[in-house]
Amino acid sequence: MNENELYNKLGKRIKTLRENARLTQEKLAEISGISLDYLCKIEANINKPGLKTLIKISNALEVPIKELFDFEQ
């Protein structure tokens, strides 16, 4: 898997986890402390989030960070 494929799957996984948690993009952005624009771009594979951002997102979703990379679910 190349880098672009990884970030594409990551964005889709974050979106799936967000939807499973019944959160809007606005609410997840607010809870995680990142901008709505940035979250939208992560989910769309336009921006590539760093570790600090992924930690914020996983904490906001109340899942272990490794769950963001569980692409088989």
N, C-alpha and C. Protein backbone atom coordinates (compact mmCIF):
# COMPACT_ATOMS: atom_id res chain seq x y z
N MET A 1 0.85 -1.17 0.00
CA MET A 1 0.00 0.00 0.00
C MET A 1 0.89 1.24 0.00
N ASN A 2 0.64 2.11 -0.95
CA ASN A 2 1.43 3.34 -0.99
C ASN A 2 0.83 4.40 -0.06
N GLU A 3 1.53 5.49 0.09
CA GLU A 3 1.12 6.54 1.04
C GLU A 3 -0.27 7.10 0.72
N ASN A 4 -0.52 7.34 -0.56
CA ASN A 4 -1.82 7.91 -0.94
C ASN A 4 -2.96 6.94 -0.62
N GLU A 5 -2.75 5.66 -0.86
CA GLU A 5 -3.77 4.65 -0.54
C GLU A 5 -4.02 4.60 0.96
N LEU A 6 -2.96 4.70 1.74
CA LEU A 6 -3.08 4.69 3.20
C LEU A 6 -3.94 5.85 3.68
N TYR A 7 -3.64 7.05 3.22
CA TYR A 7 -4.40 8.22 3.66
C TYR A 7 -5.83 8.19 3.14
N ASN A 8 -6.04 7.61 1.96
CA ASN A 8 -7.40 7.47 1.43
C ASN A 8 -8.22 6.55 2.34
N LYS A 9 -7.64 5.41 2.70
CA LYS A 9 -8.32 4.46 3.58
C LYS A 9 -8.53 5.06 4.97
N LEU A 10 -7.54 5.82 5.44
CA LEU A 10 -7.64 6.46 6.75
C LEU A 10 -8.81 7.45 6.77
N GLY A 11 -8.91 8.28 5.75
CA GLY A 11 -10.02 9.24 5.67
C GLY A 11 -11.37 8.56 5.66
N LYS A 12 -11.48 7.48 4.89
CA LYS A 12 -12.74 6.72 4.84
C LYS A 12 -13.05 6.08 6.18
N ARG A 13 -12.02 5.58 6.86
CA ARG A 13 -12.21 4.93 8.16
C ARG A 13 -12.67 5.95 9.20
N ILE A 14 -12.08 7.13 9.20
CA ILE A 14 -12.49 8.18 10.14
C ILE A 14 -13.95 8.54 9.88
N LYS A 15 -14.32 8.67 8.61
CA LYS A 15 -15.71 8.99 8.27
C LYS A 15 -16.65 7.89 8.78
N THR A 16 -16.29 6.64 8.57
CA THR A 16 -17.12 5.52 9.03
C THR A 16 -17.27 5.53 10.55
N LEU A 17 -16.17 5.71 11.26
CA LEU A 17 -16.23 5.76 12.72
C LEU A 17 -17.07 6.94 13.20
N ARG A 18 -16.92 8.06 12.53
CA ARG A 18 -17.71 9.26 12.88
C ARG A 18 -19.20 8.99 12.68
N GLU A 19 -19.54 8.40 11.55
CA GLU A 19 -20.94 8.11 11.28
C GLU A 19 -21.49 7.06 12.25
N ASN A 20 -20.68 6.07 12.58
CA ASN A 20 -21.10 5.05 13.56
C ASN A 20 -21.36 5.66 14.92
N ALA A 21 -20.61 6.71 15.24
CA ALA A 21 -20.79 7.42 16.52
C ALA A 21 -21.91 8.45 16.43
N ARG A 22 -22.55 8.52 15.27
CA ARG A 22 -23.65 9.47 15.01
C ARG A 22 -23.23 10.92 15.24
N LEU A 23 -22.03 11.22 14.76
CA LEU A 23 -21.51 12.59 14.87
C LEU A 23 -21.47 13.22 13.48
N THR A 24 -21.81 14.49 13.43
CA THR A 24 -21.62 15.25 12.20
C THR A 24 -20.14 15.64 12.10
N GLN A 25 -19.75 16.07 10.93
CA GLN A 25 -18.38 16.57 10.79
C GLN A 25 -18.18 17.76 11.71
N GLU A 26 -19.18 18.61 11.81
CA GLU A 26 -19.08 19.79 12.66
C GLU A 26 -18.84 19.41 14.12
N LYS A 27 -19.59 18.41 14.60
CA LYS A 27 -19.48 18.01 16.00
C LYS A 27 -18.13 17.35 16.27
N LEU A 28 -17.67 16.46 15.37
CA LEU A 28 -16.37 15.83 15.57
C LEU A 28 -15.26 16.86 15.54
N ALA A 29 -15.34 17.81 14.64
CA ALA A 29 -14.32 18.86 14.59
C ALA A 29 -14.30 19.65 15.90
N GLU A 30 -15.48 19.97 16.40
CA GLU A 30 -15.57 20.73 17.66
C GLU A 30 -14.98 19.93 18.82
N ILE A 31 -15.38 18.66 18.95
CA ILE A 31 -14.91 17.84 20.07
C ILE A 31 -13.41 17.61 20.00
N SER A 32 -12.90 17.41 18.78
CA SER A 32 -11.48 17.10 18.63
C SER A 32 -10.59 18.34 18.63
N GLY A 33 -11.19 19.50 18.48
CA GLY A 33 -10.41 20.74 18.51
C GLY A 33 -9.67 21.03 17.21
N ILE A 34 -10.20 20.50 16.11
CA ILE A 34 -9.62 20.83 14.80
C ILE A 34 -10.70 21.55 13.99
N SER A 35 -10.28 22.22 12.93
CA SER A 35 -11.26 22.96 12.15
C SER A 35 -12.11 22.02 11.30
N LEU A 36 -13.33 22.46 11.04
CA LEU A 36 -14.23 21.69 10.19
C LEU A 36 -13.62 21.49 8.81
N ASP A 37 -13.03 22.54 8.27
CA ASP A 37 -12.41 22.47 6.95
C ASP A 37 -11.32 21.40 6.92
N TYR A 38 -10.50 21.36 7.95
CA TYR A 38 -9.41 20.38 8.01
C TYR A 38 -9.96 18.96 8.10
N LEU A 39 -10.99 18.74 8.93
CA LEU A 39 -11.58 17.42 9.05
C LEU A 39 -12.19 16.98 7.71
N CYS A 40 -12.89 17.87 7.05
CA CYS A 40 -13.47 17.54 5.74
C CYS A 40 -12.39 17.12 4.76
N LYS A 41 -11.27 17.83 4.79
CA LYS A 41 -10.18 17.52 3.87
C LYS A 41 -9.47 16.22 4.24
N ILE A 42 -9.45 15.86 5.52
CA ILE A 42 -8.89 14.57 5.93
C ILE A 42 -9.77 13.45 5.38
N GLU A 43 -11.08 13.58 5.59
CA GLU A 43 -12.00 12.55 5.12
C GLU A 43 -11.98 12.42 3.60
N ALA A 44 -11.70 13.50 2.91
CA ALA A 44 -11.68 13.50 1.45
C ALA A 44 -10.29 13.19 0.88
N ASN A 45 -9.33 12.88 1.74
CA ASN A 45 -7.96 12.58 1.34
C ASN A 45 -7.29 13.76 0.62
N ILE A 46 -7.60 14.95 1.06
CA ILE A 46 -6.92 16.14 0.53
C ILE A 46 -5.78 16.53 1.47
N ASN A 47 -6.05 16.47 2.79
CA ASN A 47 -5.01 16.74 3.79
C ASN A 47 -4.57 15.44 4.44
N LYS A 48 -3.32 15.39 4.80
CA LYS A 48 -2.74 14.22 5.44
C LYS A 48 -2.44 14.57 6.90
N PRO A 49 -3.24 14.05 7.83
CA PRO A 49 -3.09 14.44 9.24
C PRO A 49 -1.84 13.86 9.88
N GLY A 50 -1.29 14.60 10.82
CA GLY A 50 -0.16 14.14 11.60
C GLY A 50 -0.63 13.38 12.83
N LEU A 51 0.32 12.88 13.58
CA LEU A 51 0.01 12.06 14.75
C LEU A 51 -0.82 12.82 15.78
N LYS A 52 -0.48 14.07 16.06
CA LYS A 52 -1.24 14.84 17.07
C LYS A 52 -2.70 14.97 16.67
N THR A 53 -2.95 15.19 15.40
CA THR A 53 -4.33 15.31 14.91
C THR A 53 -5.05 13.98 15.02
N LEU A 54 -4.37 12.89 14.68
CA LEU A 54 -4.99 11.57 14.78
C LEU A 54 -5.32 11.21 16.22
N ILE A 55 -4.47 11.61 17.14
CA ILE A 55 -4.75 11.39 18.56
C ILE A 55 -5.99 12.18 18.98
N LYS A 56 -6.09 13.42 18.54
CA LYS A 56 -7.27 14.24 18.86
C LYS A 56 -8.54 13.59 18.32
N ILE A 57 -8.47 13.09 17.10
CA ILE A 57 -9.64 12.47 16.48
C ILE A 57 -10.01 11.18 17.20
N SER A 58 -9.02 10.35 17.49
CA SER A 58 -9.32 9.08 18.17
C SER A 58 -9.88 9.34 19.57
N ASN A 59 -9.36 10.33 20.27
CA ASN A 59 -9.90 10.68 21.59
C ASN A 59 -11.34 11.17 21.48
N ALA A 60 -11.61 11.99 20.48
CA ALA A 60 -12.96 12.51 20.28
C ALA A 60 -13.94 11.40 19.93
N LEU A 61 -13.47 10.41 19.18
CA LEU A 61 -14.31 9.26 18.82
C LEU A 61 -14.36 8.21 19.92
N GLU A 62 -13.52 8.40 20.93
CA GLU A 62 -13.42 7.47 22.06
C GLU A 62 -13.06 6.06 21.60
N VAL A 63 -12.06 6.00 20.71
CA VAL A 63 -11.53 4.72 20.24
C VAL A 63 -10.00 4.77 20.34
N PRO A 64 -9.36 3.61 20.50
CA PRO A 64 -7.89 3.59 20.48
C PRO A 64 -7.40 4.04 19.10
N ILE A 65 -6.26 4.68 19.05
CA ILE A 65 -5.76 5.20 17.77
C ILE A 65 -5.60 4.08 16.74
N LYS A 66 -5.27 2.88 17.18
CA LYS A 66 -5.10 1.78 16.23
C LYS A 66 -6.41 1.47 15.49
N GLU A 67 -7.53 1.82 16.09
CA GLU A 67 -8.84 1.60 15.46
C GLU A 67 -8.98 2.42 14.18
N LEU A 68 -8.29 3.55 14.11
CA LEU A 68 -8.35 4.38 12.90
C LEU A 68 -7.71 3.67 11.72
N PHE A 69 -6.82 2.72 12.02
CA PHE A 69 -6.09 2.01 10.97
C PHE A 69 -6.62 0.60 10.74
N ASP A 70 -7.75 0.27 11.32
CA ASP A 70 -8.35 -1.05 11.12
C ASP A 70 -9.22 -0.98 9.88
N PHE A 71 -8.58 -1.13 8.72
CA PHE A 71 -9.27 -0.95 7.45
C PHE A 71 -10.12 -2.16 7.06
N GLU A 72 -10.04 -3.24 7.82
CA GLU A 72 -10.78 -4.45 7.47
C GLU A 72 -12.22 -4.42 7.97
N GLN A 73 -12.57 -3.45 8.78
CA GLN A 73 -13.93 -3.40 9.34
C GLN A 73 -14.86 -2.60 8.47
